[in-house]
Every structure is written in C-alpha cells, then in structure tokens.
Protein backbone atom coordinates (compact mmCIF):
# COMPACT_ATOMS: atom_id res chain seq x y z
CA MET A 1 21.64 5.61 -20.95
CA GLN A 2 19.26 8.35 -21.96
CA ILE A 3 16.49 9.38 -19.53
CA LEU A 4 13.23 9.95 -21.41
CA THR A 5 9.67 10.80 -20.49
CA LYS A 6 6.47 9.76 -22.25
CA ARG A 7 7.03 12.40 -24.90
CA ASN A 8 10.71 11.48 -25.42
CA VAL A 9 11.90 14.76 -23.94
CA LYS A 10 15.25 14.55 -22.17
CA LEU A 11 14.77 15.70 -18.58
CA ALA A 12 17.63 14.63 -16.35
CA ASN A 13 20.89 16.30 -17.29
CA THR A 14 23.22 15.74 -14.37
CA LYS A 15 24.51 12.43 -13.09
CA SER A 16 22.72 12.83 -9.76
CA ALA A 17 19.42 13.69 -11.48
CA LYS A 18 19.67 10.55 -13.61
CA LYS A 19 20.35 8.48 -10.50
CA MET A 20 17.33 10.02 -8.76
CA VAL A 21 15.13 9.07 -11.72
CA ARG A 22 16.31 5.46 -11.44
CA LYS A 23 15.71 5.44 -7.67
CA ILE A 24 12.23 6.92 -8.08
CA GLU A 25 11.29 4.30 -10.70
CA ARG A 26 12.40 1.47 -8.39
CA ARG A 27 10.56 2.94 -5.40
CA THR A 28 7.41 3.47 -7.49
CA LEU A 29 7.35 -0.21 -8.46
CA ILE A 30 7.85 -1.30 -4.85
CA ASN A 31 5.09 1.03 -3.62
CA LYS A 32 2.69 -0.21 -6.32
CA MET A 33 3.28 -3.81 -5.23
CA ARG A 34 2.88 -2.89 -1.58
CA ARG A 35 -0.39 -1.00 -2.20
CA SER A 36 -1.75 -3.89 -4.24
CA MET A 37 -0.87 -6.37 -1.50
CA VAL A 38 -2.52 -4.18 1.17
CA ARG A 39 -5.70 -3.90 -0.90
CA THR A 40 -5.80 -7.69 -1.16
CA PHE A 41 -5.46 -8.08 2.61
CA ILE A 42 -8.22 -5.50 3.17
CA LYS A 43 -10.54 -7.32 0.75
CA LYS A 44 -9.87 -10.63 2.52
CA ALA A 45 -10.64 -9.03 5.88
CA GLU A 46 -13.87 -7.46 4.60
CA ALA A 47 -14.96 -10.71 2.97
CA SER A 48 -14.42 -12.73 6.13
CA ILE A 49 -16.25 -10.10 8.21
CA GLU A 50 -19.22 -10.23 5.83
CA ALA A 51 -19.16 -14.04 5.87
CA GLY A 52 -19.68 -13.88 9.62
CA ASN A 53 -16.77 -16.08 10.65
CA LYS A 54 -15.34 -14.15 13.62
CA ASP A 55 -12.18 -16.23 14.04
CA ASN A 56 -11.14 -15.91 10.40
CA ALA A 57 -12.17 -12.26 10.42
CA LYS A 58 -9.97 -11.50 13.44
CA GLU A 59 -6.99 -13.22 11.86
CA ALA A 60 -7.56 -11.43 8.55
CA LEU A 61 -7.91 -8.12 10.39
CA VAL A 62 -4.60 -8.64 12.21
CA ASN A 63 -2.87 -9.42 8.89
CA ALA A 64 -4.45 -6.41 7.18
CA GLU A 65 -3.51 -4.15 10.09
CA SER A 66 0.09 -5.34 9.99
CA GLN A 67 0.41 -4.77 6.25
CA LEU A 68 -1.31 -1.37 6.44
CA MET A 69 1.05 -0.09 9.11
CA LYS A 70 4.10 -1.45 7.29
CA GLY A 71 3.00 0.29 4.11
CA ALA A 72 2.39 3.54 5.95
CA GLN A 73 5.75 3.30 7.67
CA LYS A 74 7.51 2.71 4.35
CA GLY A 75 5.75 5.68 2.75
CA ALA A 76 3.50 3.81 0.32
CA PHE A 77 0.54 5.76 1.72
CA ASN A 78 -0.43 8.15 4.47
CA LYS A 79 -0.35 7.02 8.13
CA LYS A 80 -3.70 8.64 8.85
CA MET A 81 -5.29 6.76 5.96
CA ALA A 82 -3.93 3.49 7.35
CA SER A 83 -5.26 4.26 10.83
CA ARG A 84 -8.65 5.19 9.40
CA LYS A 85 -8.88 1.91 7.43
CA ILE A 86 -7.90 -0.13 10.49
CA SER A 87 -10.43 1.70 12.63
CA ARG A 88 -13.24 1.14 10.16
CA LEU A 89 -12.41 -2.54 9.69
CA THR A 90 -12.30 -3.05 13.45
CA LYS A 91 -15.63 -1.29 13.83
CA LYS A 92 -17.16 -3.55 11.14
CA LEU A 93 -15.84 -6.63 12.95
CA ILE A 94 -17.24 -5.52 16.31
CA ASN A 95 -20.65 -4.63 14.87
CA SER A 96 -21.01 -7.81 12.83
C-alpha cells in the first residue's frame, strides 16, 4: 500500500508513519460525523427554542448538551467552545 497525498507525493516512509496516516484518516472521518451530528442537535435545539415550545426546547437542549460534551471529550472540538455553545443555548431558552 502506497501512502499518497493530493499531489501524489509519497510522504510516509516508515511502517509506523504509514500506520499513523491510517489512524488519522479513520479519526478524521469519525470526528467529521460527530461534528455533523452535534450541529444537527444544535439546530434542533435552536429551532424548538424559536418555536416557543419550552418542553421540546428543554429536551432538545439536554440532547444537544450531551452530544456537545461527548464531542469535546473525544477531541472533535474544543471544550471551551462546547461550554460556550451550551451557555448560549441555555440563555436563549431562559430568555424566550
């Protein structure tokens, strides 16, 4: 198996470097899926807050918070960013 970049330049030479490239590609796909899922949960929470349904909004906020913290814990994005998003969503819910 030959490790290539976009320009077909061979980068990884050693066995461990090739393995790291494979690991990074797998982790990148997982993180992309996780970020996409979190964005969906955030959109659902924002939509239910704007709709004015407090019960659905609370449930959506709890789900979004859970997914945000999981993603931050797994390294898909920064913990401070997750906390900031949760804080802002909670503030929107309280003020609506």
